[in-house]
Amino acid sequence: MRLGRVIGRVTLSRQDPAFRGARWLIVSPMSRPQLSRPDEEIVSASASAVVYDDLGAGRGDIIGFVEGAEATAPFDRPTPIDAYNAAIIENLNYQPAN
């Protein structure tokens, strides 16, 4: 699982019926320096991810998302998805190792 900040939403004109009731978010993955300052909305230099969300995360929220084969685990049948929102992080305390 990786942590990231929601920076936007994707609007689709058509989508697969398996995705009904949810939405797609644009998420900026958080790096170690960003984890130490979670209150600052800094967009990561790494590529943003498009994440399937059925939990209701909004712009500015920090989420935990999974990618790859693990992202398809919540679905009953094979579903074409690359990233899935697994958690909305309410409080983040990060202490880097010395």
PDB file of N, CA and C in Angstrom:
ATOM      1  N   MET A   1       0.847  -1.170   0.000  1.00  0.00           N
ATOM      2  CA  MET A   1       0.000   0.000   0.000  1.00  0.00           C
ATOM      3  C   MET A   1       0.894   1.235   0.000  1.00  0.00           C
ATOM      4  N   ARG A   2       0.490   2.212  -0.786  1.00  0.00           N
ATOM      5  CA  ARG A   2       1.187   3.503  -0.828  1.00  0.00           C
ATOM      6  C   ARG A   2       0.231   4.585  -0.354  1.00  0.00           C
ATOM      7  N   LEU A   3       0.796   5.675   0.133  1.00  0.00           N
ATOM      8  CA  LEU A   3      -0.015   6.814   0.546  1.00  0.00           C
ATOM      9  C   LEU A   3       0.073   7.897  -0.516  1.00  0.00           C
ATOM     10  N   GLY A   4      -1.020   8.607  -0.697  1.00  0.00           N
ATOM     11  CA  GLY A   4      -1.045   9.694  -1.669  1.00  0.00           C
ATOM     12  C   GLY A   4      -2.109  10.709  -1.314  1.00  0.00           C
ATOM     13  N   ARG A   5      -1.996  11.896  -1.905  1.00  0.00           N
ATOM     14  CA  ARG A   5      -2.966  12.964  -1.677  1.00  0.00           C
ATOM     15  C   ARG A   5      -3.837  13.113  -2.918  1.00  0.00           C
ATOM     16  N   VAL A   6      -5.145  13.203  -2.716  1.00  0.00           N
ATOM     17  CA  VAL A   6      -6.084  13.384  -3.820  1.00  0.00           C
ATOM     18  C   VAL A   6      -5.933  14.808  -4.343  1.00  0.00           C
ATOM     19  N   ILE A   7      -5.641  14.926  -5.646  1.00  0.00           N
ATOM     20  CA  ILE A   7      -5.457  16.249  -6.243  1.00  0.00           C
ATOM     21  C   ILE A   7      -6.521  16.559  -7.291  1.00  0.00           C
ATOM     22  N   GLY A   8      -7.400  15.610  -7.583  1.00  0.00           N
ATOM     23  CA  GLY A   8      -8.446  15.866  -8.567  1.00  0.00           C
ATOM     24  C   GLY A   8      -9.310  14.649  -8.814  1.00  0.00           C
ATOM     25  N   ARG A   9     -10.248  14.798  -9.761  1.00  0.00           N
ATOM     26  CA  ARG A   9     -11.158  13.724 -10.142  1.00  0.00           C
ATOM     27  C   ARG A   9     -11.137  13.542 -11.648  1.00  0.00           C
ATOM     28  N   VAL A  10     -11.507  12.348 -12.080  1.00  0.00           N
ATOM     29  CA  VAL A  10     -11.630  12.034 -13.502  1.00  0.00           C
ATOM     30  C   VAL A  10     -13.118  11.913 -13.805  1.00  0.00           C
ATOM     31  N   THR A  11     -13.552  12.522 -14.909  1.00  0.00           N
ATOM     32  CA  THR A  11     -14.944  12.404 -15.337  1.00  0.00           C
ATOM     33  C   THR A  11     -14.988  11.546 -16.591  1.00  0.00           C
ATOM     34  N   LEU A  12     -15.827  10.521 -16.557  1.00  0.00           N
ATOM     35  CA  LEU A  12     -15.952   9.600 -17.689  1.00  0.00           C
ATOM     36  C   LEU A  12     -17.301   9.792 -18.369  1.00  0.00           C
ATOM     37  N   SER A  13     -17.313   9.715 -19.686  1.00  0.00           N
ATOM     38  CA  SER A  13     -18.590   9.787 -20.396  1.00  0.00           C
ATOM     39  C   SER A  13     -19.267   8.410 -20.402  1.00  0.00           C
ATOM     40  N   ARG A  14     -18.451   7.339 -20.391  1.00  0.00           N
ATOM     41  CA  ARG A  14     -18.974   5.975 -20.307  1.00  0.00           C
ATOM     42  C   ARG A  14     -18.017   5.175 -19.433  1.00  0.00           C
ATOM     43  N   GLN A  15     -18.581   4.207 -18.709  1.00  0.00           N
ATOM     44  CA  GLN A  15     -17.729   3.348 -17.901  1.00  0.00           C
ATOM     45  C   GLN A  15     -18.312   1.944 -17.812  1.00  0.00           C
ATOM     46  N   ASP A  16     -17.478   0.990 -17.457  1.00  0.00           N
ATOM     47  CA  ASP A  16     -17.882  -0.392 -17.294  1.00  0.00           C
ATOM     48  C   ASP A  16     -18.918  -0.487 -16.157  1.00  0.00           C
ATOM     49  N   PRO A  17     -19.987  -1.270 -16.316  1.00  0.00           N
ATOM     50  CA  PRO A  17     -21.005  -1.391 -15.263  1.00  0.00           C
ATOM     51  C   PRO A  17     -20.444  -1.889 -13.922  1.00  0.00           C
ATOM     52  N   ALA A  18     -19.310  -2.583 -13.930  1.00  0.00           N
ATOM     53  CA  ALA A  18     -18.710  -3.061 -12.682  1.00  0.00           C
ATOM     54  C   ALA A  18     -18.292  -1.902 -11.778  1.00  0.00           C
ATOM     55  N   PHE A  19     -18.100  -0.717 -12.354  1.00  0.00           N
ATOM     56  CA  PHE A  19     -17.645   0.436 -11.589  1.00  0.00           C
ATOM     57  C   PHE A  19     -18.787   1.341 -11.126  1.00  0.00           C
ATOM     58  N   ARG A  20     -20.022   0.938 -11.338  1.00  0.00           N
ATOM     59  CA  ARG A  20     -21.171   1.770 -10.974  1.00  0.00           C
ATOM     60  C   ARG A  20     -21.146   2.099  -9.480  1.00  0.00           C
ATOM     61  N   GLY A  21     -21.437   3.353  -9.152  1.00  0.00           N
ATOM     62  CA  GLY A  21     -21.511   3.777  -7.760  1.00  0.00           C
ATOM     63  C   GLY A  21     -20.216   4.287  -7.172  1.00  0.00           C
ATOM     64  N   ALA A  22     -19.180   4.383  -7.972  1.00  0.00           N
ATOM     65  CA  ALA A  22     -17.900   4.877  -7.468  1.00  0.00           C
ATOM     66  C   ALA A  22     -17.346   5.909  -8.444  1.00  0.00           C
ATOM     67  N   ARG A  23     -16.155   6.401  -8.154  1.00  0.00           N
ATOM     68  CA  ARG A  23     -15.553   7.414  -9.021  1.00  0.00           C
ATOM     69  C   ARG A  23     -14.054   7.190  -9.111  1.00  0.00           C
ATOM     70  N   TRP A  24     -13.432   7.972  -9.948  1.00  0.00           N
ATOM     71  CA  TRP A  24     -11.992   7.887 -10.186  1.00  0.00           C
ATOM     72  C   TRP A  24     -11.326   9.155  -9.670  1.00  0.00           C
ATOM     73  N   LEU A  25     -10.223   8.975  -8.952  1.00  0.00           N
ATOM     74  CA  LEU A  25      -9.484  10.093  -8.379  1.00  0.00           C
ATOM     75  C   LEU A  25      -8.103  10.184  -8.990  1.00  0.00           C
ATOM     76  N   ILE A  26      -7.573  11.407  -9.072  1.00  0.00           N
ATOM     77  CA  ILE A  26      -6.179  11.606  -9.455  1.00  0.00           C
ATOM     78  C   ILE A  26      -5.414  11.796  -8.150  1.00  0.00           C
ATOM     79  N   VAL A  27      -4.413  10.938  -7.933  1.00  0.00           N
ATOM     80  CA  VAL A  27      -3.698  10.909  -6.661  1.00  0.00           C
ATOM     81  C   VAL A  27      -2.210  11.144  -6.887  1.00  0.00           C
ATOM     82  N   SER A  28      -1.654  12.044  -6.091  1.00  0.00           N
ATOM     83  CA  SER A  28      -0.220  12.325  -6.116  1.00  0.00           C
ATOM     84  C   SER A  28       0.433  11.495  -5.012  1.00  0.00           C
ATOM     85  N   PRO A  29       1.274  10.490  -5.377  1.00  0.00           N
ATOM     86  CA  PRO A  29       1.923   9.665  -4.354  1.00  0.00           C
ATOM     87  C   PRO A  29       2.797  10.531  -3.442  1.00  0.00           C
ATOM     88  N   MET A  30       2.828  10.186  -2.164  1.00  0.00           N
ATOM     89  CA  MET A  30       3.594  10.972  -1.189  1.00  0.00           C
ATOM     90  C   MET A  30       4.968  10.349  -0.980  1.00  0.00           C
ATOM     91  N   SER A  31       5.990  11.204  -0.980  1.00  0.00           N
ATOM     92  CA  SER A  31       7.355  10.764  -0.718  1.00  0.00           C
ATOM     93  C   SER A  31       7.678  10.972   0.763  1.00  0.00           C
ATOM     94  N   ARG A  32       8.846  10.526   1.201  1.00  0.00           N
ATOM     95  CA  ARG A  32       9.217  10.676   2.612  1.00  0.00           C
ATOM     96  C   ARG A  32       9.179  12.126   3.092  1.00  0.00           C
ATOM     97  N   PRO A  33       9.743  13.091   2.348  1.00  0.00           N
ATOM     98  CA  PRO A  33       9.649  14.475   2.827  1.00  0.00           C
ATOM     99  C   PRO A  33       8.204  14.955   2.970  1.00  0.00           C
ATOM    100  N   GLN A  34       7.326  14.504   2.099  1.00  0.00           N
ATOM    101  CA  GLN A  34       5.921  14.903   2.186  1.00  0.00           C
ATOM    102  C   GLN A  34       5.231  14.238   3.372  1.00  0.00           C
ATOM    103  N   LEU A  35       5.636  13.020   3.719  1.00  0.00           N
ATOM    104  CA  LEU A  35       5.056  12.340   4.871  1.00  0.00           C
ATOM    105  C   LEU A  35       5.386  13.066   6.169  1.00  0.00           C
ATOM    106  N   SER A  36       6.556  13.700   6.221  1.00  0.00           N
ATOM    107  CA  SER A  36       6.942  14.411   7.438  1.00  0.00           C
ATOM    108  C   SER A  36       6.198  15.743   7.569  1.00  0.00           C
ATOM    109  N   ARG A  37       5.586  16.231   6.476  1.00  0.00           N
ATOM    110  CA  ARG A  37       4.805  17.478   6.501  1.00  0.00           C
ATOM    111  C   ARG A  37       3.450  17.230   5.825  1.00  0.00           C
ATOM    112  N   PRO A  38       2.590  16.375   6.409  1.00  0.00           N
ATOM    113  CA  PRO A  38       1.333  15.986   5.740  1.00  0.00           C
ATOM    114  C   PRO A  38       0.322  17.119   5.576  1.00  0.00           C
ATOM    115  N   ASP A  39       0.475  18.196   6.338  1.00  0.00           N
ATOM    116  CA  ASP A  39      -0.490  19.304   6.243  1.00  0.00           C
ATOM    117  C   ASP A  39      -0.239  20.196   5.035  1.00  0.00           C
ATOM    118  N   GLU A  40       0.946  20.093   4.432  1.00  0.00           N
ATOM    119  CA  GLU A  40       1.263  20.902   3.258  1.00  0.00           C
ATOM    120  C   GLU A  40       0.836  20.161   1.999  1.00  0.00           C
ATOM    121  N   GLU A  41       0.069  20.810   1.149  1.00  0.00           N
ATOM    122  CA  GLU A  41      -0.390  20.176  -0.091  1.00  0.00           C
ATOM    123  C   GLU A  41       0.663  20.364  -1.178  1.00  0.00           C
ATOM    124  N   ILE A  42       1.655  19.500  -1.173  1.00  0.00           N
ATOM    125  CA  ILE A  42       2.734  19.529  -2.148  1.00  0.00           C
ATOM    126  C   ILE A  42       2.481  18.420  -3.159  1.00  0.00           C
ATOM    127  N   VAL A  43       2.503  18.750  -4.434  1.00  0.00           N
ATOM    128  CA  VAL A  43       2.324  17.737  -5.475  1.00  0.00           C
ATOM    129  C   VAL A  43       3.670  17.062  -5.705  1.00  0.00           C
ATOM    130  N   SER A  44       3.669  15.743  -5.686  1.00  0.00           N
ATOM    131  CA  SER A  44       4.875  14.944  -5.838  1.00  0.00           C
ATOM    132  C   SER A  44       5.470  15.077  -7.234  1.00  0.00           C
ATOM    133  N   ALA A  45       6.764  14.882  -7.322  1.00  0.00           N
ATOM    134  CA  ALA A  45       7.436  14.883  -8.620  1.00  0.00           C
ATOM    135  C   ALA A  45       7.166  13.579  -9.369  1.00  0.00           C
ATOM    136  N   SER A  46       6.759  12.510  -8.649  1.00  0.00           N
ATOM    137  CA  SER A  46       6.440  11.251  -9.327  1.00  0.00           C
ATOM    138  C   SER A  46       5.118  11.339 -10.064  1.00  0.00           C
ATOM    139  N   ALA A  47       4.941  10.431 -10.978  1.00  0.00           N
ATOM    140  CA  ALA A  47       3.724  10.415 -11.797  1.00  0.00           C
ATOM    141  C   ALA A  47       2.488  10.191 -10.927  1.00  0.00           C
ATOM    142  N   SER A  48       1.435  10.924 -11.224  1.00  0.00           N
ATOM    143  CA  SER A  48       0.168  10.762 -10.504  1.00  0.00           C
ATOM    144  C   SER A  48      -0.503   9.463 -10.939  1.00  0.00           C
ATOM    145  N   ALA A  49      -1.365   8.941 -10.074  1.00  0.00           N
ATOM    146  CA  ALA A  49      -2.089   7.700 -10.359  1.00  0.00           C
ATOM    147  C   ALA A  49      -3.580   7.989 -10.460  1.00  0.00           C
ATOM    148  N   VAL A  50      -4.265   7.226 -11.292  1.00  0.00           N
ATOM    149  CA  VAL A  50      -5.726   7.280 -11.350  1.00  0.00           C
ATOM    150  C   VAL A  50      -6.207   6.108 -10.504  1.00  0.00           C
ATOM    151  N   VAL A  51      -6.977   6.425  -9.456  1.00  0.00           N
ATOM    152  CA  VAL A  51      -7.357   5.443  -8.437  1.00  0.00           C
ATOM    153  C   VAL A  51      -8.878   5.305  -8.374  1.00  0.00           C
ATOM    154  N   TYR A  52      -9.366   4.069  -8.373  1.00  0.00           N
ATOM    155  CA  TYR A  52     -10.794   3.787  -8.217  1.00  0.00           C
ATOM    156  C   TYR A  52     -11.169   4.003  -6.757  1.00  0.00           C
ATOM    157  N   ASP A  53     -12.241   4.749  -6.505  1.00  0.00           N
ATOM    158  CA  ASP A  53     -12.633   5.088  -5.132  1.00  0.00           C
ATOM    159  C   ASP A  53     -14.109   4.823  -4.907  1.00  0.00           C
ATOM    160  N   ASP A  54     -14.413   3.958  -3.942  1.00  0.00           N
ATOM    161  CA  ASP A  54     -15.802   3.780  -3.537  1.00  0.00           C
ATOM    162  C   ASP A  54     -15.978   4.100  -2.056  1.00  0.00           C
ATOM    163  N   LEU A  55     -14.978   4.775  -1.466  1.00  0.00           N
ATOM    164  CA  LEU A  55     -15.041   5.162  -0.057  1.00  0.00           C
ATOM    165  C   LEU A  55     -15.481   6.607   0.140  1.00  0.00           C
ATOM    166  N   GLY A  56     -15.364   7.436  -0.903  1.00  0.00           N
ATOM    167  CA  GLY A  56     -15.793   8.824  -0.808  1.00  0.00           C
ATOM    168  C   GLY A  56     -14.706   9.822  -0.464  1.00  0.00           C
ATOM    169  N   ALA A  57     -13.470   9.553  -0.836  1.00  0.00           N
ATOM    170  CA  ALA A  57     -12.391  10.508  -0.587  1.00  0.00           C
ATOM    171  C   ALA A  57     -12.584  11.757  -1.440  1.00  0.00           C
ATOM    172  N   GLY A  58     -12.116  12.874  -0.930  1.00  0.00           N
ATOM    173  CA  GLY A  58     -12.253  14.135  -1.651  1.00  0.00           C
ATOM    174  C   GLY A  58     -10.916  14.821  -1.839  1.00  0.00           C
ATOM    175  N   ARG A  59     -10.937  15.904  -2.578  1.00  0.00           N
ATOM    176  CA  ARG A  59      -9.717  16.662  -2.860  1.00  0.00           C
ATOM    177  C   ARG A  59      -9.027  17.066  -1.555  1.00  0.00           C
ATOM    178  N   GLY A  60      -7.718  16.816  -1.486  1.00  0.00           N
ATOM    179  CA  GLY A  60      -6.934  17.147  -0.315  1.00  0.00           C
ATOM    180  C   GLY A  60      -6.790  16.015   0.686  1.00  0.00           C
ATOM    181  N   ASP A  61      -7.629  14.974   0.581  1.00  0.00           N
ATOM    182  CA  ASP A  61      -7.536  13.840   1.503  1.00  0.00           C
ATOM    183  C   ASP A  61      -6.288  13.018   1.227  1.00  0.00           C
ATOM    184  N   ILE A  62      -5.745  12.418   2.276  1.00  0.00           N
ATOM    185  CA  ILE A  62      -4.654  11.462   2.136  1.00  0.00           C
ATOM    186  C   ILE A  62      -5.288  10.080   2.143  1.00  0.00           C
ATOM    187  N   ILE A  63      -4.934   9.262   1.161  1.00  0.00           N
ATOM    188  CA  ILE A  63      -5.506   7.921   1.058  1.00  0.00           C
ATOM    189  C   ILE A  63      -4.398   6.874   0.995  1.00  0.00           C
ATOM    190  N   GLY A  64      -4.768   5.645   1.325  1.00  0.00           N
ATOM    191  CA  GLY A  64      -3.900   4.504   1.130  1.00  0.00           C
ATOM    192  C   GLY A  64      -4.423   3.744  -0.074  1.00  0.00           C
ATOM    193  N   PHE A  65      -3.585   3.564  -1.075  1.00  0.00           N
ATOM    194  CA  PHE A  65      -4.060   2.869  -2.271  1.00  0.00           C
ATOM    195  C   PHE A  65      -3.140   1.714  -2.631  1.00  0.00           C
ATOM    196  N   VAL A  66      -3.737   0.683  -3.225  1.00  0.00           N
ATOM    197  CA  VAL A  66      -2.995  -0.484  -3.667  1.00  0.00           C
ATOM    198  C   VAL A  66      -3.030  -0.531  -5.190  1.00  0.00           C
ATOM    199  N   GLU A  67      -1.994  -1.130  -5.751  1.00  0.00           N
ATOM    200  CA  GLU A  67      -1.879  -1.201  -7.208  1.00  0.00           C
ATOM    201  C   GLU A  67      -1.658  -2.639  -7.649  1.00  0.00           C
ATOM    202  N   GLY A  68      -1.829  -2.881  -8.928  1.00  0.00           N
ATOM    203  CA  GLY A  68      -1.573  -4.189  -9.505  1.00  0.00           C
ATOM    204  C   GLY A  68      -2.673  -5.189  -9.200  1.00  0.00           C
ATOM    205  N   ALA A  69      -2.295  -6.464  -9.086  1.00  0.00           N
ATOM    206  CA  ALA A  69      -3.268  -7.535  -8.877  1.00  0.00           C
ATOM    207  C   ALA A  69      -4.056  -7.354  -7.581  1.00  0.00           C
ATOM    208  N   GLU A  70      -3.437  -6.779  -6.550  1.00  0.00           N
ATOM    209  CA  GLU A  70      -4.129  -6.563  -5.278  1.00  0.00           C
ATOM    210  C   GLU A  70      -5.299  -5.600  -5.425  1.00  0.00           C
ATOM    211  N   ALA A  71      -5.244  -4.709  -6.408  1.00  0.00           N
ATOM    212  CA  ALA A  71      -6.316  -3.736  -6.614  1.00  0.00           C
ATOM    213  C   ALA A  71      -7.604  -4.399  -7.082  1.00  0.00           C
ATOM    214  N   THR A  72      -7.516  -5.567  -7.659  1.00  0.00           N
ATOM    215  CA  THR A  72      -8.715  -6.264  -8.148  1.00  0.00           C
ATOM    216  C   THR A  72      -9.368  -7.131  -7.073  1.00  0.00           C
ATOM    217  N   ALA A  73      -8.738  -7.291  -5.915  1.00  0.00           N
ATOM    218  CA  ALA A  73      -9.242  -8.177  -4.859  1.00  0.00           C
ATOM    219  C   ALA A  73     -10.664  -7.846  -4.389  1.00  0.00           C
ATOM    220  N   PRO A  74     -11.078  -6.572  -4.283  1.00  0.00           N
ATOM    221  CA  PRO A  74     -12.434  -6.303  -3.795  1.00  0.00           C
ATOM    222  C   PRO A  74     -13.563  -6.677  -4.754  1.00  0.00           C
ATOM    223  N   PHE A  75     -13.252  -7.048  -5.971  1.00  0.00           N
ATOM    224  CA  PHE A  75     -14.276  -7.321  -6.974  1.00  0.00           C
ATOM    225  C   PHE A  75     -14.534  -8.821  -7.097  1.00  0.00           C
ATOM    226  N   ASP A  76     -15.800  -9.180  -7.359  1.00  0.00           N
ATOM    227  CA  ASP A  76     -16.193 -10.585  -7.477  1.00  0.00           C
ATOM    228  C   ASP A  76     -15.676 -11.243  -8.750  1.00  0.00           C
ATOM    229  N   ARG A  77     -15.579 -10.477  -9.807  1.00  0.00           N
ATOM    230  CA  ARG A  77     -15.134 -11.026 -11.091  1.00  0.00           C
ATOM    231  C   ARG A  77     -13.943 -10.216 -11.587  1.00  0.00           C
ATOM    232  N   PRO A  78     -13.191 -10.732 -12.544  1.00  0.00           N
ATOM    233  CA  PRO A  78     -12.051  -9.966 -13.070  1.00  0.00           C
ATOM    234  C   PRO A  78     -12.485  -8.577 -13.539  1.00  0.00           C
ATOM    235  N   THR A  79     -11.796  -7.559 -13.063  1.00  0.00           N
ATOM    236  CA  THR A  79     -12.152  -6.171 -13.355  1.00  0.00           C
ATOM    237  C   THR A  79     -10.907  -5.425 -13.813  1.00  0.00           C
ATOM    238  N   PRO A  80     -11.008  -4.666 -14.904  1.00  0.00           N
ATOM    239  CA  PRO A  80      -9.843  -3.944 -15.428  1.00  0.00           C
ATOM    240  C   PRO A  80      -9.531  -2.699 -14.592  1.00  0.00           C
ATOM    241  N   ILE A  81      -8.697  -2.873 -13.578  1.00  0.00           N
ATOM    242  CA  ILE A  81      -8.372  -1.766 -12.674  1.00  0.00           C
ATOM    243  C   ILE A  81      -6.894  -1.849 -12.296  1.00  0.00           C
ATOM    244  N   ASP A  82      -6.251  -0.714 -12.168  1.00  0.00           N
ATOM    245  CA  ASP A  82      -4.828  -0.673 -11.813  1.00  0.00           C
ATOM    246  C   ASP A  82      -4.569  -0.210 -10.388  1.00  0.00           C
ATOM    247  N   ALA A  83      -5.460   0.613  -9.824  1.00  0.00           N
ATOM    248  CA  ALA A  83      -5.254   1.120  -8.461  1.00  0.00           C
ATOM    249  C   ALA A  83      -6.603   1.264  -7.764  1.00  0.00           C
ATOM    250  N   TYR A  84      -6.623   0.950  -6.460  1.00  0.00           N
ATOM    251  CA  TYR A  84      -7.853   0.931  -5.675  1.00  0.00           C
ATOM    252  C   TYR A  84      -7.625   1.656  -4.351  1.00  0.00           C
ATOM    253  N   ASN A  85      -8.555   2.540  -3.970  1.00  0.00           N
ATOM    254  CA  ASN A  85      -8.468   3.247  -2.703  1.00  0.00           C
ATOM    255  C   ASN A  85      -8.882   2.293  -1.583  1.00  0.00           C
ATOM    256  N   ALA A  86      -7.933   1.919  -0.732  1.00  0.00           N
ATOM    257  CA  ALA A  86      -8.206   0.976   0.343  1.00  0.00           C
ATOM    258  C   ALA A  86      -8.483   1.657   1.674  1.00  0.00           C
ATOM    259  N   ALA A  87      -8.083   2.938   1.829  1.00  0.00           N
ATOM    260  CA  ALA A  87      -8.265   3.614   3.119  1.00  0.00           C
ATOM    261  C   ALA A  87      -8.207   5.121   2.952  1.00  0.00           C
ATOM    262  N   ILE A  88      -8.984   5.824   3.766  1.00  0.00           N
ATOM    263  CA  ILE A  88      -8.863   7.273   3.886  1.00  0.00           C
ATOM    264  C   ILE A  88      -8.140   7.510   5.204  1.00  0.00           C
ATOM    265  N   ILE A  89      -6.994   8.158   5.138  1.00  0.00           N
ATOM    266  CA  ILE A  89      -6.153   8.371   6.323  1.00  0.00           C
ATOM    267  C   ILE A  89      -6.642   9.608   7.061  1.00  0.00           C
ATOM    268  N   GLU A  90      -7.029   9.420   8.307  1.00  0.00           N
ATOM    269  CA  GLU A  90      -7.543  10.534   9.095  1.00  0.00           C
ATOM    270  C   GLU A  90      -6.430  11.272   9.822  1.00  0.00           C
ATOM    271  N   ASN A  91      -5.433  10.537  10.315  1.00  0.00           N
ATOM    272  CA  ASN A  91      -4.346  11.140  11.074  1.00  0.00           C
ATOM    273  C   ASN A  91      -3.052  10.455  10.664  1.00  0.00           C
ATOM    274  N   LEU A  92      -2.003  11.233  10.422  1.00  0.00           N
ATOM    275  CA  LEU A  92      -0.732  10.682   9.972  1.00  0.00           C
ATOM    276  C   LEU A  92       0.377  11.185  10.870  1.00  0.00           C
ATOM    277  N   ASN A  93       1.075  10.247  11.526  1.00  0.00           N
ATOM    278  CA  ASN A  93       2.234  10.566  12.346  1.00  0.00           C
ATOM    279  C   ASN A  93       3.426   9.828  11.775  1.00  0.00           C
ATOM    280  N   TYR A  94       4.387  10.569  11.256  1.00  0.00           N
ATOM    281  CA  TYR A  94       5.551   9.970  10.592  1.00  0.00           C
ATOM    282  C   TYR A  94       6.805  10.378  11.335  1.00  0.00           C
ATOM    283  N   GLN A  95       7.612   9.392  11.740  1.00  0.00           N
ATOM    284  CA  GLN A  95       8.876   9.655  12.393  1.00  0.00           C
ATOM    285  C   GLN A  95       9.959   8.944  11.610  1.00  0.00           C
ATOM    286  N   PRO A  96      10.798   9.693  10.872  1.00  0.00           N
ATOM    287  CA  PRO A  96      11.844   9.042  10.085  1.00  0.00           C
ATOM    288  C   PRO A  96      12.876   8.353  10.985  1.00  0.00           C
ATOM    289  N   ALA A  97      13.390   7.225  10.513  1.00  0.00           N
ATOM    290  CA  ALA A  97      14.421   6.500  11.245  1.00  0.00           C
ATOM    291  C   ALA A  97      15.754   7.238  11.134  1.00  0.00           C
ATOM    292  N   ASN A  98      16.511   7.224  12.182  1.00  0.00           N
ATOM    293  CA  ASN A  98      17.819   7.899  12.174  1.00  0.00           C
ATOM    294  C   ASN A  98      18.898   7.023  11.646  1.00  0.00           C
TER     295      ASN A  98
END
